[in-house]
């Protein structure tokens, strides 16, 4: 697809996390799934994201559909970040492949084609929790430029990992975590359920 810089529309939005900015594009950044990058090395084969790590103080890039959330350390103004993101996205979208696989997705696809498939399949408990979160919690998190991943469900303990704007956000560690816990307790009928962010 031939994309010209003038065809790329990008809008910056604030998030509840003072160190995260959400950017929404009129073009897809990732057609399926989501991806998180923590360094240039994580995305060396993806020129768009690789170049974004040239922005001083950038700590993380979270990508989902036509959105990306950049987490930074606060050393550069939001206006300067917006200016640099707009320039980088405008010049790199022409070579960007929204069908890329993140390292985790690529690893999972190799595992699913191997003998280890059965031992690596998602448990019914995790699927149940994922469905509840998809319906209740994720839309709000994604609207704020974040998400979460369920890592494990064992007895009355659910381990999660925050992504995007949710990572390191003060409200994610307090109010949001309490809300997630309450929703999952009510939906699963398990009163002693604890949600632990990793």
N, C-alpha and C. Protein backbone atom coordinates (compact mmCIF):
# COMPACT_ATOMS: atom_id res chain seq x y z
N UNK A 1 0.85 -1.17 0.00
CA UNK A 1 0.00 0.00 0.00
C UNK A 1 0.90 1.24 0.00
N UNK A 2 0.60 2.17 -0.90
CA UNK A 2 1.35 3.42 -0.99
C UNK A 2 0.76 4.45 -0.04
N UNK A 3 1.52 4.82 0.97
CA UNK A 3 1.05 5.79 1.95
C UNK A 3 1.92 7.03 1.88
N UNK A 4 1.31 8.16 1.72
CA UNK A 4 2.01 9.43 1.71
C UNK A 4 1.88 10.07 3.10
N UNK A 5 2.86 10.86 3.47
CA UNK A 5 2.86 11.51 4.79
C UNK A 5 1.56 12.28 5.04
N UNK A 6 1.02 12.92 4.00
CA UNK A 6 -0.20 13.73 4.16
C UNK A 6 -1.44 12.86 4.39
N UNK A 7 -1.34 11.56 4.10
CA UNK A 7 -2.47 10.64 4.30
C UNK A 7 -2.55 10.13 5.75
N UNK A 8 -1.51 10.37 6.53
CA UNK A 8 -1.44 9.85 7.90
C UNK A 8 -2.00 10.90 8.86
N UNK A 9 -3.09 10.54 9.53
CA UNK A 9 -3.67 11.42 10.54
C UNK A 9 -3.38 10.81 11.91
N UNK A 10 -2.90 11.64 12.81
CA UNK A 10 -2.54 11.15 14.14
C UNK A 10 -3.02 12.17 15.18
N UNK A 11 -3.56 11.61 16.27
CA UNK A 11 -4.07 12.48 17.34
C UNK A 11 -3.50 11.99 18.67
N UNK A 12 -3.01 12.93 19.46
CA UNK A 12 -2.48 12.59 20.77
C UNK A 12 -3.55 12.82 21.83
N UNK A 13 -3.64 11.87 22.76
CA UNK A 13 -4.58 11.97 23.87
C UNK A 13 -3.83 11.72 25.18
N UNK A 14 -4.24 12.39 26.21
CA UNK A 14 -3.68 12.12 27.53
C UNK A 14 -4.24 10.82 28.09
N UNK A 15 -3.62 10.32 29.12
CA UNK A 15 -4.09 9.11 29.80
C UNK A 15 -4.08 9.40 31.31
N UNK A 16 -4.70 8.53 32.11
CA UNK A 16 -4.64 8.73 33.56
C UNK A 16 -3.21 8.66 34.11
N UNK A 17 -2.31 8.01 33.38
CA UNK A 17 -0.92 7.92 33.78
C UNK A 17 -0.20 9.19 33.30
N UNK A 18 0.35 10.01 34.21
CA UNK A 18 1.00 11.25 33.78
C UNK A 18 2.24 11.03 32.92
N UNK A 19 2.74 9.81 32.86
CA UNK A 19 3.92 9.50 32.06
C UNK A 19 3.60 8.64 30.84
N UNK A 20 2.35 8.69 30.39
CA UNK A 20 1.97 7.93 29.20
C UNK A 20 1.08 8.78 28.30
N UNK A 21 1.33 8.69 27.01
CA UNK A 21 0.55 9.40 26.01
C UNK A 21 0.02 8.40 25.00
N UNK A 22 -1.23 8.56 24.64
CA UNK A 22 -1.88 7.67 23.68
C UNK A 22 -1.97 8.39 22.34
N UNK A 23 -1.62 7.68 21.27
CA UNK A 23 -1.72 8.21 19.92
C UNK A 23 -2.67 7.33 19.12
N UNK A 24 -3.64 7.96 18.45
CA UNK A 24 -4.62 7.24 17.65
C UNK A 24 -4.40 7.65 16.20
N UNK A 25 -4.30 6.66 15.31
CA UNK A 25 -4.07 6.91 13.90
C UNK A 25 -5.29 6.54 13.07
N UNK A 26 -5.33 7.02 11.86
CA UNK A 26 -6.38 6.64 10.92
C UNK A 26 -6.00 5.38 10.14
N UNK A 27 -4.85 4.81 10.46
CA UNK A 27 -4.35 3.60 9.80
C UNK A 27 -3.99 2.57 10.86
N UNK A 28 -4.05 1.28 10.52
CA UNK A 28 -3.73 0.26 11.52
C UNK A 28 -2.24 0.18 11.81
N UNK A 29 -1.92 0.02 13.08
CA UNK A 29 -0.54 -0.22 13.51
C UNK A 29 -0.31 -1.71 13.72
N UNK A 30 -1.37 -2.40 14.19
CA UNK A 30 -1.30 -3.86 14.41
C UNK A 30 -2.67 -4.44 14.13
N UNK A 31 -2.76 -5.27 13.10
CA UNK A 31 -4.06 -5.81 12.71
C UNK A 31 -4.60 -6.85 13.69
N UNK A 32 -3.72 -7.65 14.27
CA UNK A 32 -4.17 -8.69 15.21
C UNK A 32 -3.34 -8.63 16.48
N UNK A 33 -4.02 -8.77 17.60
CA UNK A 33 -3.32 -8.82 18.88
C UNK A 33 -2.77 -7.48 19.32
N UNK A 34 -1.79 -7.55 20.22
CA UNK A 34 -1.16 -6.35 20.75
C UNK A 34 0.32 -6.66 20.95
N UNK A 35 1.11 -5.61 21.12
CA UNK A 35 2.54 -5.80 21.30
C UNK A 35 3.08 -4.72 22.23
N UNK A 36 4.11 -5.09 22.98
CA UNK A 36 4.80 -4.15 23.86
C UNK A 36 6.29 -4.23 23.59
N UNK A 37 6.91 -3.05 23.45
CA UNK A 37 8.35 -2.97 23.21
C UNK A 37 8.98 -2.13 24.32
N UNK A 38 10.14 -2.57 24.81
CA UNK A 38 10.83 -1.87 25.89
C UNK A 38 12.16 -1.26 25.45
N UNK A 39 12.60 -1.58 24.24
CA UNK A 39 13.88 -1.06 23.75
C UNK A 39 13.93 -1.16 22.24
N UNK A 40 14.94 -0.52 21.64
CA UNK A 40 15.15 -0.58 20.19
C UNK A 40 15.37 -2.03 19.76
N UNK A 41 16.05 -2.79 20.60
CA UNK A 41 16.36 -4.18 20.26
C UNK A 41 15.09 -5.02 20.13
N UNK A 42 14.07 -4.69 20.93
CA UNK A 42 12.80 -5.44 20.87
C UNK A 42 12.11 -5.30 19.52
N UNK A 43 12.40 -4.22 18.80
CA UNK A 43 11.68 -3.95 17.55
C UNK A 43 12.65 -3.58 16.43
N UNK A 44 13.79 -4.25 16.41
CA UNK A 44 14.83 -3.92 15.43
C UNK A 44 14.38 -4.14 13.99
N UNK A 45 13.43 -5.03 13.77
CA UNK A 45 12.94 -5.28 12.41
C UNK A 45 11.68 -4.47 12.07
N UNK A 46 11.31 -3.53 12.93
CA UNK A 46 10.13 -2.70 12.71
C UNK A 46 10.55 -1.22 12.74
N UNK A 47 10.87 -0.65 11.58
CA UNK A 47 11.44 0.71 11.52
C UNK A 47 10.62 1.78 12.25
N UNK A 48 9.30 1.68 12.20
CA UNK A 48 8.46 2.69 12.85
C UNK A 48 8.73 2.72 14.36
N UNK A 49 8.60 1.59 15.03
CA UNK A 49 8.79 1.54 16.48
C UNK A 49 10.26 1.72 16.87
N UNK A 50 11.15 1.16 16.06
CA UNK A 50 12.58 1.31 16.29
C UNK A 50 12.96 2.78 16.33
N UNK A 51 12.46 3.57 15.39
CA UNK A 51 12.76 5.01 15.34
C UNK A 51 12.16 5.78 16.50
N UNK A 52 11.00 5.34 17.00
CA UNK A 52 10.38 6.04 18.12
C UNK A 52 11.26 6.00 19.36
N UNK A 53 12.08 4.96 19.50
CA UNK A 53 12.96 4.88 20.67
C UNK A 53 14.10 5.89 20.63
N UNK A 54 14.20 6.68 19.54
CA UNK A 54 15.15 7.79 19.49
C UNK A 54 14.64 8.99 20.29
N UNK A 55 13.36 8.99 20.66
CA UNK A 55 12.80 10.06 21.48
C UNK A 55 13.40 9.93 22.88
N UNK A 56 14.05 10.98 23.37
CA UNK A 56 14.70 10.90 24.69
C UNK A 56 13.70 10.55 25.81
N UNK A 57 14.10 9.62 26.66
CA UNK A 57 13.29 9.26 27.82
C UNK A 57 12.18 8.27 27.55
N UNK A 58 12.06 7.78 26.31
CA UNK A 58 11.00 6.81 26.00
C UNK A 58 11.32 5.48 26.65
N UNK A 59 10.36 4.92 27.39
CA UNK A 59 10.57 3.68 28.14
C UNK A 59 9.82 2.49 27.56
N UNK A 60 8.67 2.75 26.91
CA UNK A 60 7.84 1.63 26.46
C UNK A 60 6.91 2.09 25.34
N UNK A 61 6.65 1.17 24.40
CA UNK A 61 5.65 1.39 23.36
C UNK A 61 4.66 0.22 23.43
N UNK A 62 3.41 0.54 23.58
CA UNK A 62 2.34 -0.47 23.59
C UNK A 62 1.48 -0.23 22.36
N UNK A 63 1.25 -1.27 21.56
CA UNK A 63 0.52 -1.13 20.30
C UNK A 63 -0.70 -2.03 20.29
N UNK A 64 -1.82 -1.47 19.87
CA UNK A 64 -3.08 -2.20 19.80
C UNK A 64 -3.92 -1.56 18.69
N UNK A 65 -4.25 -2.33 17.67
CA UNK A 65 -5.07 -1.86 16.54
C UNK A 65 -4.47 -0.58 15.93
N UNK A 66 -5.20 0.52 15.97
CA UNK A 66 -4.71 1.77 15.39
C UNK A 66 -4.20 2.73 16.47
N UNK A 67 -3.85 2.17 17.62
CA UNK A 67 -3.42 2.99 18.76
C UNK A 67 -2.05 2.55 19.25
N UNK A 68 -1.32 3.52 19.77
CA UNK A 68 -0.09 3.18 20.48
C UNK A 68 0.02 4.11 21.68
N UNK A 69 0.54 3.55 22.76
CA UNK A 69 0.75 4.32 23.98
C UNK A 69 2.24 4.34 24.25
N UNK A 70 2.76 5.54 24.42
CA UNK A 70 4.18 5.71 24.72
C UNK A 70 4.32 6.09 26.19
N UNK A 71 5.13 5.33 26.91
CA UNK A 71 5.41 5.63 28.30
C UNK A 71 6.80 6.24 28.34
N UNK A 72 6.93 7.37 29.05
CA UNK A 72 8.19 8.10 29.07
C UNK A 72 8.56 8.44 30.51
N UNK A 73 9.75 8.96 30.67
CA UNK A 73 10.21 9.27 32.04
C UNK A 73 9.96 10.71 32.44
N UNK A 74 9.39 11.52 31.56
CA UNK A 74 9.02 12.89 31.91
C UNK A 74 10.08 13.94 31.63
N UNK A 75 11.18 13.55 30.98
CA UNK A 75 12.26 14.50 30.73
C UNK A 75 12.02 15.38 29.50
N UNK A 76 11.06 14.99 28.66
CA UNK A 76 10.75 15.74 27.44
C UNK A 76 9.29 16.16 27.52
N UNK A 77 8.98 17.37 27.06
CA UNK A 77 7.60 17.87 27.12
C UNK A 77 6.68 17.06 26.21
N UNK A 78 5.41 17.03 26.57
CA UNK A 78 4.42 16.33 25.75
C UNK A 78 4.36 16.90 24.34
N UNK A 79 4.51 18.23 24.22
CA UNK A 79 4.50 18.87 22.91
C UNK A 79 5.65 18.38 22.04
N UNK A 80 6.82 18.24 22.64
CA UNK A 80 7.99 17.76 21.90
C UNK A 80 7.81 16.30 21.50
N UNK A 81 7.27 15.49 22.40
CA UNK A 81 7.02 14.08 22.08
C UNK A 81 6.03 14.00 20.91
N UNK A 82 4.94 14.78 20.99
CA UNK A 82 3.94 14.77 19.91
C UNK A 82 4.57 15.16 18.58
N UNK A 83 5.41 16.18 18.58
CA UNK A 83 6.08 16.65 17.36
C UNK A 83 6.95 15.53 16.77
N UNK A 84 7.73 14.87 17.61
CA UNK A 84 8.62 13.81 17.13
C UNK A 84 7.83 12.58 16.66
N UNK A 85 6.80 12.21 17.40
CA UNK A 85 5.97 11.06 17.00
C UNK A 85 5.32 11.33 15.65
N UNK A 86 4.77 12.52 15.48
CA UNK A 86 4.12 12.88 14.21
C UNK A 86 5.10 12.78 13.05
N UNK A 87 6.32 13.29 13.24
CA UNK A 87 7.33 13.24 12.18
C UNK A 87 7.74 11.80 11.86
N UNK A 88 7.98 11.00 12.90
CA UNK A 88 8.42 9.61 12.70
C UNK A 88 7.33 8.78 12.05
N UNK A 89 6.12 8.86 12.58
CA UNK A 89 5.01 8.08 12.03
C UNK A 89 4.75 8.49 10.58
N UNK A 90 4.79 9.79 10.30
CA UNK A 90 4.54 10.27 8.94
C UNK A 90 5.51 9.71 7.92
N UNK A 91 6.77 9.55 8.32
CA UNK A 91 7.77 9.05 7.37
C UNK A 91 7.90 7.54 7.37
N UNK A 92 7.50 6.87 8.45
CA UNK A 92 7.71 5.41 8.55
C UNK A 92 6.46 4.57 8.22
N UNK A 93 5.28 5.18 8.18
CA UNK A 93 4.07 4.39 7.90
C UNK A 93 4.11 3.73 6.53
N UNK A 94 4.79 4.35 5.58
CA UNK A 94 4.87 3.79 4.23
C UNK A 94 5.56 2.43 4.20
N UNK A 95 6.45 2.17 5.17
CA UNK A 95 7.17 0.89 5.20
C UNK A 95 6.72 0.00 6.36
N UNK A 96 5.68 0.43 7.07
CA UNK A 96 5.21 -0.34 8.24
C UNK A 96 4.29 -1.48 7.82
N UNK A 97 4.47 -2.64 8.43
CA UNK A 97 3.62 -3.81 8.17
C UNK A 97 2.75 -4.06 9.40
N UNK A 98 1.44 -3.74 9.31
CA UNK A 98 0.56 -3.94 10.47
C UNK A 98 0.26 -5.42 10.78
N UNK A 99 0.75 -6.32 9.95
CA UNK A 99 0.56 -7.75 10.19
C UNK A 99 1.76 -8.38 10.89
N UNK A 100 2.66 -7.55 11.44
CA UNK A 100 3.84 -8.08 12.12
C UNK A 100 3.43 -8.91 13.33
N UNK A 101 4.31 -9.84 13.67
CA UNK A 101 4.12 -10.64 14.89
C UNK A 101 5.10 -10.14 15.93
N UNK A 102 4.61 -9.94 17.15
CA UNK A 102 5.52 -9.59 18.24
C UNK A 102 6.34 -10.82 18.58
N UNK A 103 7.39 -10.65 19.36
CA UNK A 103 8.24 -11.77 19.76
C UNK A 103 7.40 -12.86 20.43
N UNK A 104 6.49 -12.44 21.34
CA UNK A 104 5.65 -13.41 22.06
C UNK A 104 4.75 -14.18 21.09
N UNK A 105 4.13 -13.48 20.14
CA UNK A 105 3.25 -14.13 19.18
C UNK A 105 4.03 -15.10 18.30
N UNK A 106 5.22 -14.67 17.87
CA UNK A 106 6.05 -15.51 17.03
C UNK A 106 6.47 -16.77 17.78
N UNK A 107 6.83 -16.61 19.05
CA UNK A 107 7.20 -17.75 19.89
C UNK A 107 6.03 -18.70 20.06
N UNK A 108 4.83 -18.13 20.33
CA UNK A 108 3.63 -18.96 20.51
C UNK A 108 3.31 -19.73 19.24
N UNK A 109 3.48 -19.12 18.07
CA UNK A 109 3.16 -19.82 16.82
C UNK A 109 4.12 -20.97 16.60
N UNK A 110 5.38 -20.81 16.98
CA UNK A 110 6.34 -21.92 16.86
C UNK A 110 5.98 -23.03 17.84
N UNK A 111 5.61 -22.67 19.06
CA UNK A 111 5.24 -23.67 20.06
C UNK A 111 4.00 -24.43 19.62
N UNK A 112 3.01 -23.71 19.07
CA UNK A 112 1.77 -24.38 18.69
C UNK A 112 1.98 -25.36 17.56
N UNK A 113 3.06 -25.23 16.83
CA UNK A 113 3.36 -26.17 15.74
C UNK A 113 4.29 -27.29 16.20
N UNK A 114 4.55 -27.34 17.48
CA UNK A 114 5.47 -28.36 17.98
C UNK A 114 4.75 -29.36 18.88
N UNK A 115 5.50 -30.32 19.36
CA UNK A 115 4.96 -31.36 20.23
C UNK A 115 4.51 -30.78 21.57
N UNK A 116 5.06 -29.62 21.96
CA UNK A 116 4.74 -29.03 23.26
C UNK A 116 3.35 -28.39 23.28
N UNK A 117 2.63 -28.41 22.19
CA UNK A 117 1.37 -27.68 22.08
C UNK A 117 0.43 -27.95 23.25
N UNK A 118 0.20 -29.20 23.59
CA UNK A 118 -0.79 -29.52 24.62
C UNK A 118 -0.41 -28.95 25.98
N UNK A 119 0.88 -28.94 26.31
CA UNK A 119 1.29 -28.43 27.62
C UNK A 119 1.25 -26.91 27.68
N UNK A 120 1.20 -26.24 26.53
CA UNK A 120 1.22 -24.78 26.50
C UNK A 120 -0.15 -24.16 26.24
N UNK A 121 -1.18 -24.97 26.05
CA UNK A 121 -2.50 -24.43 25.78
C UNK A 121 -3.03 -23.66 26.99
N UNK A 122 -3.88 -22.70 26.73
CA UNK A 122 -4.44 -21.87 27.78
C UNK A 122 -5.45 -22.67 28.59
N UNK A 123 -5.36 -22.57 29.89
CA UNK A 123 -6.25 -23.33 30.77
C UNK A 123 -7.67 -22.78 30.70
N UNK A 124 -8.67 -23.61 31.01
CA UNK A 124 -10.06 -23.13 31.03
C UNK A 124 -10.27 -22.01 32.05
N UNK A 125 -9.52 -22.04 33.16
CA UNK A 125 -9.65 -20.99 34.18
C UNK A 125 -9.21 -19.63 33.62
N UNK A 126 -8.08 -19.63 32.90
CA UNK A 126 -7.60 -18.37 32.30
C UNK A 126 -8.58 -17.89 31.25
N UNK A 127 -9.10 -18.80 30.43
CA UNK A 127 -10.07 -18.41 29.39
C UNK A 127 -11.32 -17.78 30.02
N UNK A 128 -11.78 -18.34 31.12
CA UNK A 128 -12.95 -17.79 31.81
C UNK A 128 -12.68 -16.37 32.30
N UNK A 129 -11.51 -16.17 32.93
CA UNK A 129 -11.13 -14.85 33.42
C UNK A 129 -10.97 -13.87 32.26
N UNK A 130 -10.34 -14.33 31.17
CA UNK A 130 -10.15 -13.48 29.99
C UNK A 130 -11.49 -13.00 29.44
N UNK A 131 -12.47 -13.90 29.37
CA UNK A 131 -13.79 -13.52 28.85
C UNK A 131 -14.46 -12.47 29.73
N UNK A 132 -14.34 -12.64 31.03
CA UNK A 132 -14.91 -11.66 31.96
C UNK A 132 -14.24 -10.30 31.76
N UNK A 133 -12.91 -10.30 31.69
CA UNK A 133 -12.16 -9.05 31.52
C UNK A 133 -12.46 -8.39 30.17
N UNK A 134 -12.60 -9.21 29.11
CA UNK A 134 -12.93 -8.67 27.78
C UNK A 134 -14.25 -7.90 27.81
N UNK A 135 -15.19 -8.42 28.58
CA UNK A 135 -16.52 -7.84 28.64
C UNK A 135 -16.63 -6.66 29.59
N UNK A 136 -15.83 -6.67 30.66
CA UNK A 136 -16.03 -5.69 31.73
C UNK A 136 -14.92 -4.65 31.88
N UNK A 137 -13.68 -5.08 31.85
CA UNK A 137 -12.57 -4.22 32.22
C UNK A 137 -11.76 -3.70 31.02
N UNK A 138 -11.47 -4.58 30.08
CA UNK A 138 -10.57 -4.20 28.98
C UNK A 138 -11.02 -2.99 28.17
N UNK A 139 -12.31 -2.85 27.84
CA UNK A 139 -12.69 -1.67 27.05
C UNK A 139 -12.27 -0.36 27.71
N UNK A 140 -12.41 -0.25 29.01
CA UNK A 140 -12.01 0.97 29.71
C UNK A 140 -10.50 1.15 29.72
N UNK A 141 -9.76 0.06 29.96
CA UNK A 141 -8.31 0.15 29.97
C UNK A 141 -7.78 0.53 28.59
N UNK A 142 -8.34 -0.09 27.55
CA UNK A 142 -7.90 0.20 26.19
C UNK A 142 -8.25 1.63 25.78
N UNK A 143 -9.37 2.14 26.25
CA UNK A 143 -9.74 3.52 25.95
C UNK A 143 -8.73 4.50 26.55
N UNK A 144 -8.08 4.09 27.65
CA UNK A 144 -7.08 4.93 28.30
C UNK A 144 -5.66 4.61 27.83
N UNK A 145 -5.53 3.77 26.78
CA UNK A 145 -4.20 3.46 26.25
C UNK A 145 -3.48 2.33 26.94
N UNK A 146 -4.22 1.48 27.64
CA UNK A 146 -3.58 0.37 28.35
C UNK A 146 -4.28 -0.94 28.13
N UNK A 147 -3.87 -1.92 28.87
CA UNK A 147 -4.47 -3.26 28.80
C UNK A 147 -3.87 -4.07 29.94
N UNK A 148 -4.24 -5.33 30.01
CA UNK A 148 -3.63 -6.24 30.97
C UNK A 148 -3.61 -7.63 30.38
N UNK A 149 -2.68 -8.41 30.88
CA UNK A 149 -2.54 -9.80 30.45
C UNK A 149 -2.69 -10.69 31.67
N UNK A 150 -3.48 -11.75 31.54
CA UNK A 150 -3.62 -12.71 32.64
C UNK A 150 -2.47 -13.71 32.50
N UNK A 151 -1.64 -13.77 33.52
CA UNK A 151 -0.48 -14.66 33.48
C UNK A 151 -0.79 -16.04 34.05
N UNK A 152 -1.56 -16.07 35.15
CA UNK A 152 -1.90 -17.36 35.74
C UNK A 152 -3.13 -17.24 36.63
N UNK A 153 -3.81 -18.38 36.78
CA UNK A 153 -4.94 -18.50 37.70
C UNK A 153 -4.69 -19.76 38.51
N UNK A 154 -4.44 -19.57 39.80
CA UNK A 154 -4.18 -20.71 40.68
C UNK A 154 -4.98 -20.53 41.96
N UNK A 155 -5.89 -21.45 42.23
CA UNK A 155 -6.77 -21.40 43.38
C UNK A 155 -7.43 -20.03 43.47
N UNK A 156 -7.16 -19.26 44.53
CA UNK A 156 -7.79 -17.95 44.69
C UNK A 156 -6.82 -16.80 44.37
N UNK A 157 -5.90 -17.05 43.45
CA UNK A 157 -4.90 -16.04 43.10
C UNK A 157 -4.80 -15.91 41.59
N UNK A 158 -4.96 -14.67 41.11
CA UNK A 158 -4.83 -14.39 39.68
C UNK A 158 -3.69 -13.40 39.52
N UNK A 159 -2.70 -13.78 38.72
CA UNK A 159 -1.56 -12.89 38.44
C UNK A 159 -1.78 -12.22 37.09
N UNK A 160 -1.59 -10.90 37.09
CA UNK A 160 -1.78 -10.13 35.86
C UNK A 160 -0.55 -9.26 35.61
N UNK A 161 -0.43 -8.83 34.37
CA UNK A 161 0.62 -7.89 33.99
C UNK A 161 -0.06 -6.72 33.28
N UNK A 162 0.15 -5.51 33.80
CA UNK A 162 -0.39 -4.32 33.17
C UNK A 162 0.43 -3.98 31.94
N UNK A 163 -0.24 -3.43 30.90
CA UNK A 163 0.44 -3.05 29.67
C UNK A 163 0.09 -1.61 29.31
N UNK A 164 0.95 -1.01 28.51
CA UNK A 164 0.71 0.35 28.04
C UNK A 164 0.62 1.35 29.18
N UNK A 165 -0.36 2.25 29.10
CA UNK A 165 -0.51 3.31 30.09
C UNK A 165 -0.76 2.76 31.49
N UNK A 166 -1.26 1.54 31.60
CA UNK A 166 -1.56 0.96 32.91
C UNK A 166 -0.30 0.60 33.69
N UNK A 167 0.78 0.31 32.97
CA UNK A 167 2.04 -0.04 33.64
C UNK A 167 2.60 1.17 34.37
N UNK A 168 2.74 1.07 35.67
CA UNK A 168 3.29 2.15 36.47
C UNK A 168 2.32 3.27 36.77
N UNK A 169 1.07 3.13 36.37
CA UNK A 169 0.07 4.17 36.63
C UNK A 169 -0.42 4.05 38.07
N UNK A 170 -0.42 5.16 38.83
CA UNK A 170 -0.87 5.09 40.22
C UNK A 170 -2.30 4.58 40.36
N UNK A 171 -3.20 4.97 39.46
CA UNK A 171 -4.59 4.51 39.58
C UNK A 171 -4.73 3.02 39.26
N UNK A 172 -3.84 2.49 38.40
CA UNK A 172 -3.90 1.05 38.08
C UNK A 172 -3.53 0.22 39.31
N UNK A 173 -2.64 0.74 40.12
CA UNK A 173 -2.20 -0.02 41.28
C UNK A 173 -3.17 0.09 42.45
N UNK A 174 -4.07 1.04 42.41
CA UNK A 174 -4.99 1.22 43.53
C UNK A 174 -6.43 0.93 43.09
N UNK A 175 -7.13 1.95 42.64
CA UNK A 175 -8.55 1.85 42.31
C UNK A 175 -8.86 0.83 41.24
N UNK A 176 -8.07 0.82 40.18
CA UNK A 176 -8.33 -0.11 39.08
C UNK A 176 -8.15 -1.55 39.53
N UNK A 177 -7.10 -1.80 40.28
CA UNK A 177 -6.84 -3.15 40.78
C UNK A 177 -7.99 -3.62 41.67
N UNK A 178 -8.47 -2.73 42.54
CA UNK A 178 -9.59 -3.06 43.43
C UNK A 178 -10.85 -3.35 42.61
N UNK A 179 -11.09 -2.55 41.57
CA UNK A 179 -12.27 -2.77 40.72
C UNK A 179 -12.18 -4.11 39.99
N UNK A 180 -11.01 -4.44 39.47
CA UNK A 180 -10.81 -5.72 38.78
C UNK A 180 -11.08 -6.87 39.74
N UNK A 181 -10.53 -6.76 40.93
CA UNK A 181 -10.72 -7.79 41.95
C UNK A 181 -12.20 -7.97 42.28
N UNK A 182 -12.91 -6.86 42.49
CA UNK A 182 -14.34 -6.93 42.83
C UNK A 182 -15.16 -7.55 41.70
N UNK A 183 -14.88 -7.16 40.47
CA UNK A 183 -15.61 -7.71 39.32
C UNK A 183 -15.37 -9.22 39.22
N UNK A 184 -14.12 -9.63 39.34
CA UNK A 184 -13.81 -11.06 39.23
C UNK A 184 -14.38 -11.86 40.39
N UNK A 185 -14.39 -11.29 41.59
CA UNK A 185 -15.02 -11.98 42.74
C UNK A 185 -16.50 -12.20 42.49
N UNK A 186 -17.17 -11.14 42.02
CA UNK A 186 -18.61 -11.22 41.78
C UNK A 186 -18.93 -12.19 40.64
N UNK A 187 -18.17 -12.09 39.54
CA UNK A 187 -18.44 -12.92 38.36
C UNK A 187 -18.10 -14.40 38.56
N UNK A 188 -17.09 -14.68 39.38
CA UNK A 188 -16.69 -16.07 39.59
C UNK A 188 -17.29 -16.68 40.85
N UNK A 189 -17.83 -15.83 41.73
CA UNK A 189 -18.39 -16.32 43.00
C UNK A 189 -17.32 -16.73 43.99
N UNK A 190 -16.09 -16.28 43.80
CA UNK A 190 -14.98 -16.63 44.70
C UNK A 190 -14.63 -15.40 45.55
N UNK A 191 -15.15 -15.37 46.76
CA UNK A 191 -15.04 -14.22 47.67
C UNK A 191 -13.62 -13.89 48.09
N UNK A 192 -12.73 -14.91 48.15
CA UNK A 192 -11.36 -14.70 48.63
C UNK A 192 -10.36 -14.45 47.51
N UNK A 193 -10.85 -14.24 46.32
CA UNK A 193 -9.99 -14.05 45.15
C UNK A 193 -9.08 -12.83 45.31
N UNK A 194 -7.80 -13.00 44.99
CA UNK A 194 -6.83 -11.89 45.03
C UNK A 194 -6.25 -11.74 43.63
N UNK A 195 -6.16 -10.49 43.18
CA UNK A 195 -5.52 -10.19 41.91
C UNK A 195 -4.18 -9.56 42.22
N UNK A 196 -3.13 -10.14 41.69
CA UNK A 196 -1.77 -9.67 42.00
C UNK A 196 -1.09 -9.19 40.73
N UNK A 197 -0.76 -7.88 40.67
CA UNK A 197 -0.02 -7.39 39.51
C UNK A 197 1.45 -7.79 39.61
N UNK A 198 2.00 -8.25 38.52
CA UNK A 198 3.40 -8.70 38.48
C UNK A 198 4.23 -7.69 37.73
